[in-house]
Amino acid sequence: MPFELLIPITVFIIIILVASLRVLREYERGIIFLLGRFWKVKGPGLILVIPIVQQMVKVDLRTRVLDVPQQDVISRDNVSVKVNAVIYYRVIDPEKSVIQVEDYSSATSQLAQTTLRSVLGQHELDEMLAEREKLNADIQRILDEQTAAWGIKVSNVELKHIDLDESMVRAIAKQAEAERGRRAKVIDAEGELQAAQRFMEAAEILSTQPQAIQLRFLTTLQGMSAERNSLLVLPLPIDLISGLMKKGEEKG
């Protein structure tokens, strides 16, 4: 082969080789198609992609954060609320994420919106406010099952805000106030019941032990004498009078 032809061929080969080289980072994979058909998954590192014959689609394997737009949800007890959420997901099967779905990011976002409305619509407002962890787990499980065919793994779902109308906020506040009042009345009633039971027990003891009545009388006198009163009018126990009268008759 003449030297004049060797130089252009060598330059052409070098250009082809340089154009064929690709560098994929640790978190990237390359889906290689050979004449339009899936061939293999390559990466990370330095790979070779033959121009024209082969095409490569790059896929990022890092966890992505999807902010689900605010959704209008009607709860099972017919309360309208606005809910938004955040979803964490990542690609675990690069081949499926390219071949099975056109745009896995957009598809996951749309599926998350419909799933959010569907799941929350099956619960009452009180459950939405009090059982967020359970709702998060339910939404995450459903999304994970449905996106598995796309090579997607939904690792976590978090409800961010549940916004209510002003009228509903006032109604909830009024309900909470009524609940606190009810609990206070129940506590007062339980206290009265316990006090009444103690009084009954004390009355039974005093009725069987006359000395206990006199001891209680003296204790009450001691407490009253400690107060700053100018005059005390006290009843005198009949038993004490009877005892004094008997002693006087004996002396007489």
Protein backbone atom coordinates (compact mmCIF):
# COMPACT_ATOMS: atom_id res chain seq x y z
CA MET A 1 0.00 0.00 0.00
CA PRO A 2 1.41 3.39 -0.95
CA PHE A 3 2.54 5.56 1.92
CA GLU A 4 0.31 8.36 0.69
CA LEU A 5 -2.79 6.20 1.31
CA LEU A 6 -1.60 4.79 4.61
CA ILE A 7 -1.58 8.16 6.34
CA PRO A 8 -5.26 9.02 5.63
CA ILE A 9 -6.38 5.52 6.62
CA THR A 10 -4.44 5.71 9.87
CA VAL A 11 -5.90 9.14 10.66
CA PHE A 12 -9.38 7.84 9.88
CA ILE A 13 -8.91 4.85 12.21
CA ILE A 14 -7.63 7.11 14.98
CA ILE A 15 -10.63 9.40 14.57
CA ILE A 16 -13.01 6.42 14.71
CA LEU A 17 -11.32 5.10 17.85
CA VAL A 18 -11.42 8.47 19.57
CA ALA A 19 -15.08 8.89 18.63
CA SER A 20 -15.84 5.41 19.94
CA LEU A 21 -14.42 5.94 23.41
CA ARG A 22 -16.82 6.69 26.26
CA VAL A 23 -16.15 7.18 29.96
CA LEU A 24 -18.92 6.28 32.39
CA ARG A 25 -18.82 7.32 36.04
CA GLU A 26 -19.33 4.90 38.91
CA TYR A 27 -23.03 5.74 39.16
CA GLU A 28 -23.66 5.54 35.38
CA ARG A 29 -24.44 2.65 33.06
CA GLY A 30 -24.59 2.54 29.27
CA ILE A 31 -27.35 0.63 27.47
CA ILE A 32 -25.78 -0.50 24.17
CA PHE A 33 -27.92 -1.14 21.06
CA LEU A 34 -26.39 -2.99 18.14
CA LEU A 35 -28.16 -2.09 14.87
CA GLY A 36 -31.24 -1.16 16.87
CA ARG A 37 -31.36 -4.27 19.02
CA PHE A 38 -30.40 -4.43 22.68
CA TRP A 39 -26.92 -5.84 23.10
CA LYS A 40 -25.61 -5.35 26.63
CA VAL A 41 -25.19 -3.01 29.60
CA LYS A 42 -21.73 -1.51 29.96
CA GLY A 43 -19.93 0.53 32.57
CA PRO A 44 -18.61 2.04 34.66
CA GLY A 45 -15.22 3.04 33.30
CA LEU A 46 -13.84 3.30 29.74
CA ILE A 47 -15.99 1.59 27.11
CA LEU A 48 -15.99 1.36 23.33
CA VAL A 49 -19.06 2.26 21.27
CA ILE A 50 -18.66 1.80 17.49
CA PRO A 51 -20.21 4.76 15.66
CA ILE A 52 -23.21 4.13 13.39
CA VAL A 53 -23.29 0.43 14.26
CA GLN A 54 -23.85 0.90 17.96
CA GLN A 55 -25.79 3.46 19.98
CA MET A 56 -25.61 4.09 23.71
CA VAL A 57 -28.23 5.41 26.16
CA LYS A 58 -26.79 6.60 29.46
CA VAL A 59 -28.67 5.84 32.69
CA ASP A 60 -28.05 7.41 36.12
CA LEU A 61 -28.31 4.97 39.03
CA ARG A 62 -28.31 7.54 41.85
CA THR A 63 -31.35 8.08 44.06
CA ARG A 64 -33.63 10.79 42.71
CA VAL A 65 -35.96 13.08 44.63
CA LEU A 66 -39.37 13.59 43.07
CA ASP A 67 -41.49 16.45 44.41
CA VAL A 68 -45.12 15.50 43.77
CA PRO A 69 -47.19 18.62 42.97
CA GLN A 70 -50.03 19.58 45.27
CA GLN A 71 -53.05 17.35 44.72
CA ASP A 72 -56.72 17.98 45.51
CA VAL A 73 -57.96 15.01 47.52
CA ILE A 74 -61.46 14.28 48.82
CA SER A 75 -61.31 12.08 51.91
CA ARG A 76 -63.71 9.26 52.67
CA ASP A 77 -65.70 11.57 54.96
CA ASN A 78 -66.05 14.12 52.10
CA VAL A 79 -63.48 16.66 53.28
CA SER A 80 -61.48 18.45 50.58
CA VAL A 81 -57.77 18.79 51.32
CA LYS A 82 -54.64 19.71 49.38
CA VAL A 83 -51.74 17.28 49.76
CA ASN A 84 -48.21 17.18 48.38
CA ALA A 85 -45.46 14.65 48.90
CA VAL A 86 -41.84 13.80 48.14
CA ILE A 87 -40.71 10.47 46.70
CA TYR A 88 -37.24 8.90 46.68
CA TYR A 89 -36.53 6.37 43.93
CA ARG A 90 -33.66 5.00 41.85
CA VAL A 91 -32.99 2.79 38.84
CA ILE A 92 -32.00 -0.77 39.73
CA ASP A 93 -32.40 -2.31 36.26
CA PRO A 94 -31.00 0.01 33.55
CA GLU A 95 -32.18 -2.24 30.73
CA LYS A 96 -35.84 -2.12 31.78
CA SER A 97 -35.73 1.62 32.52
CA VAL A 98 -34.84 2.28 28.87
CA ILE A 99 -36.71 -0.47 27.01
CA GLN A 100 -39.93 -0.85 29.02
CA VAL A 101 -40.87 2.82 29.42
CA GLU A 102 -40.29 5.91 27.30
CA ASP A 103 -39.48 8.32 30.16
CA TYR A 104 -39.31 6.62 33.54
CA SER A 105 -38.99 9.91 35.42
CA SER A 106 -42.18 11.38 33.96
CA ALA A 107 -44.01 8.06 34.25
CA THR A 108 -43.08 7.73 37.93
CA SER A 109 -44.26 11.28 38.60
CA GLN A 110 -47.65 10.73 36.97
CA LEU A 111 -48.12 7.41 38.71
CA ALA A 112 -47.23 8.99 42.07
CA GLN A 113 -49.90 11.68 41.62
CA THR A 114 -52.68 9.23 40.82
CA THR A 115 -51.61 6.83 43.59
CA LEU A 116 -51.53 9.66 46.12
CA ARG A 117 -55.11 10.67 45.32
CA SER A 118 -56.32 7.07 45.25
CA VAL A 119 -54.80 6.00 48.57
CA LEU A 120 -55.67 9.12 50.55
CA GLY A 121 -59.22 9.12 49.18
CA GLN A 122 -59.82 5.82 50.98
CA HIS A 123 -59.13 7.32 54.41
CA GLU A 124 -60.88 9.82 56.63
CA LEU A 125 -59.37 13.17 57.55
CA ASP A 126 -58.48 12.07 61.08
CA GLU A 127 -56.50 9.14 59.68
CA MET A 128 -54.62 11.43 57.27
CA LEU A 129 -53.56 13.67 60.15
CA ALA A 130 -52.79 10.96 62.71
CA GLU A 131 -51.48 8.03 60.65
CA ARG A 132 -48.99 9.55 58.23
CA GLU A 133 -46.45 6.77 58.64
CA LYS A 134 -49.00 4.13 57.66
CA LEU A 135 -50.11 6.17 54.64
CA ASN A 136 -46.50 6.70 53.59
CA ALA A 137 -45.88 2.95 53.76
CA ASP A 138 -49.03 2.16 51.75
CA ILE A 139 -48.17 4.62 48.97
CA GLN A 140 -44.55 3.45 48.86
CA ARG A 141 -45.60 -0.20 48.60
CA ILE A 142 -48.04 0.44 45.73
CA LEU A 143 -45.58 2.59 43.79
CA ASP A 144 -42.79 0.07 44.27
CA GLU A 145 -44.94 -2.77 42.96
CA GLN A 146 -46.10 -0.86 39.87
CA THR A 147 -42.70 0.60 38.94
CA ALA A 148 -40.85 -2.71 39.32
CA ALA A 149 -41.63 -3.49 35.64
CA TRP A 150 -39.71 -0.32 34.69
CA GLY A 151 -36.63 -1.28 36.71
CA ILE A 152 -37.42 1.35 39.34
CA LYS A 153 -37.14 0.98 43.13
CA VAL A 154 -39.21 3.40 45.24
CA SER A 155 -37.38 3.52 48.56
CA ASN A 156 -39.38 6.11 50.50
CA VAL A 157 -42.48 8.29 50.36
CA GLU A 158 -43.15 11.22 52.69
CA LEU A 159 -46.30 13.33 52.87
CA LYS A 160 -45.13 16.92 53.23
CA HIS A 161 -48.22 19.08 53.80
CA ILE A 162 -51.94 18.47 54.29
CA ASP A 163 -53.65 21.85 53.87
CA LEU A 164 -57.23 22.43 55.01
CA ASP A 165 -59.74 25.21 54.36
CA GLU A 166 -60.09 27.87 57.06
CA SER A 167 -63.61 26.70 57.88
CA MET A 168 -62.35 23.16 58.41
CA VAL A 169 -59.48 24.40 60.60
CA ARG A 170 -61.98 26.23 62.82
CA ALA A 171 -64.21 23.16 62.99
CA ILE A 172 -61.29 20.96 64.03
CA ALA A 173 -60.23 23.49 66.68
CA LYS A 174 -63.80 23.58 68.03
CA GLN A 175 -63.93 19.80 68.08
CA ALA A 176 -60.61 19.63 69.92
CA GLU A 177 -61.83 22.15 72.50
CA ALA A 178 -65.00 20.15 73.05
CA GLU A 179 -62.94 16.98 73.45
CA ARG A 180 -60.73 18.67 76.06
CA GLY A 181 -63.85 19.82 77.94
CA ARG A 182 -65.28 16.31 77.87
CA ARG A 183 -62.05 14.84 79.23
CA ALA A 184 -61.95 17.43 82.02
CA LYS A 185 -65.50 16.54 83.05
CA VAL A 186 -64.68 12.84 83.00
CA ILE A 187 -61.61 13.43 85.18
CA ASP A 188 -63.68 15.51 87.64
CA ALA A 189 -66.34 12.81 87.79
CA GLU A 190 -63.73 10.12 88.42
CA GLY A 191 -62.24 12.25 91.20
CA GLU A 192 -65.66 12.70 92.82
CA LEU A 193 -66.28 8.97 92.59
CA GLN A 194 -62.97 8.13 94.23
CA ALA A 195 -63.57 10.73 96.97
CA ALA A 196 -67.05 9.34 97.64
CA GLN A 197 -65.64 5.83 97.94
CA ARG A 198 -63.03 7.02 100.44
CA PHE A 199 -65.69 8.86 102.49
CA MET A 200 -67.79 5.69 102.59
CA GLU A 201 -64.82 3.67 103.79
CA ALA A 202 -64.02 6.29 106.44
CA ALA A 203 -67.66 6.37 107.59
CA GLU A 204 -67.71 2.62 107.98
CA ILE A 205 -64.56 2.73 110.12
CA LEU A 206 -65.84 5.57 112.30
CA SER A 207 -69.22 3.89 112.79
CA THR A 208 -67.57 0.79 114.22
CA GLN A 209 -64.94 2.57 116.33
CA PRO A 210 -66.30 5.32 118.68
CA GLN A 211 -62.77 6.13 119.81
CA ALA A 212 -61.91 7.00 116.23
CA ILE A 213 -64.67 9.61 116.23
CA GLN A 214 -63.27 11.26 119.34
CA LEU A 215 -59.75 11.19 117.86
CA ARG A 216 -61.04 12.81 114.70
CA PHE A 217 -62.81 15.46 116.79
CA LEU A 218 -59.61 16.30 118.68
CA THR A 219 -57.62 16.48 115.44
CA THR A 220 -60.16 18.92 114.02
CA LEU A 221 -59.91 21.07 117.16
CA GLN A 222 -56.12 21.19 116.85
CA GLY A 223 -56.39 22.34 113.23
CA MET A 224 -58.91 25.02 114.05
CA SER A 225 -56.86 26.33 116.98
CA ALA A 226 -53.92 26.90 114.66
CA GLU A 227 -55.96 29.42 112.68
CA ARG A 228 -56.26 33.05 113.76
CA ASN A 229 -59.82 33.09 115.05
CA SER A 230 -60.94 35.30 117.92
CA LEU A 231 -63.78 33.06 119.02
CA LEU A 232 -64.48 29.38 118.62
CA VAL A 233 -67.86 27.87 119.39
CA LEU A 234 -67.42 24.12 119.66
CA PRO A 235 -69.98 21.39 120.25
CA LEU A 236 -69.25 19.22 123.28
CA PRO A 237 -69.52 15.48 122.70
CA ILE A 238 -72.41 13.85 124.54
CA ASP A 239 -70.19 10.97 125.59
CA LEU A 240 -67.87 13.38 127.38
CA ILE A 241 -70.78 15.06 129.23
CA SER A 242 -72.16 11.69 130.27
CA GLY A 243 -68.77 10.70 131.62
CA LEU A 244 -68.44 13.88 133.67
CA MET A 245 -71.94 13.49 135.09
CA LYS A 246 -71.24 9.93 136.16
CA LYS A 247 -68.04 10.98 137.93
CA GLY A 248 -69.92 13.77 139.75
CA GLU A 249 -72.61 11.39 140.96
CA GLU A 250 -69.96 8.99 142.23
CA LYS A 251 -68.26 11.74 144.23
CA GLY A 252 -71.57 12.93 145.61
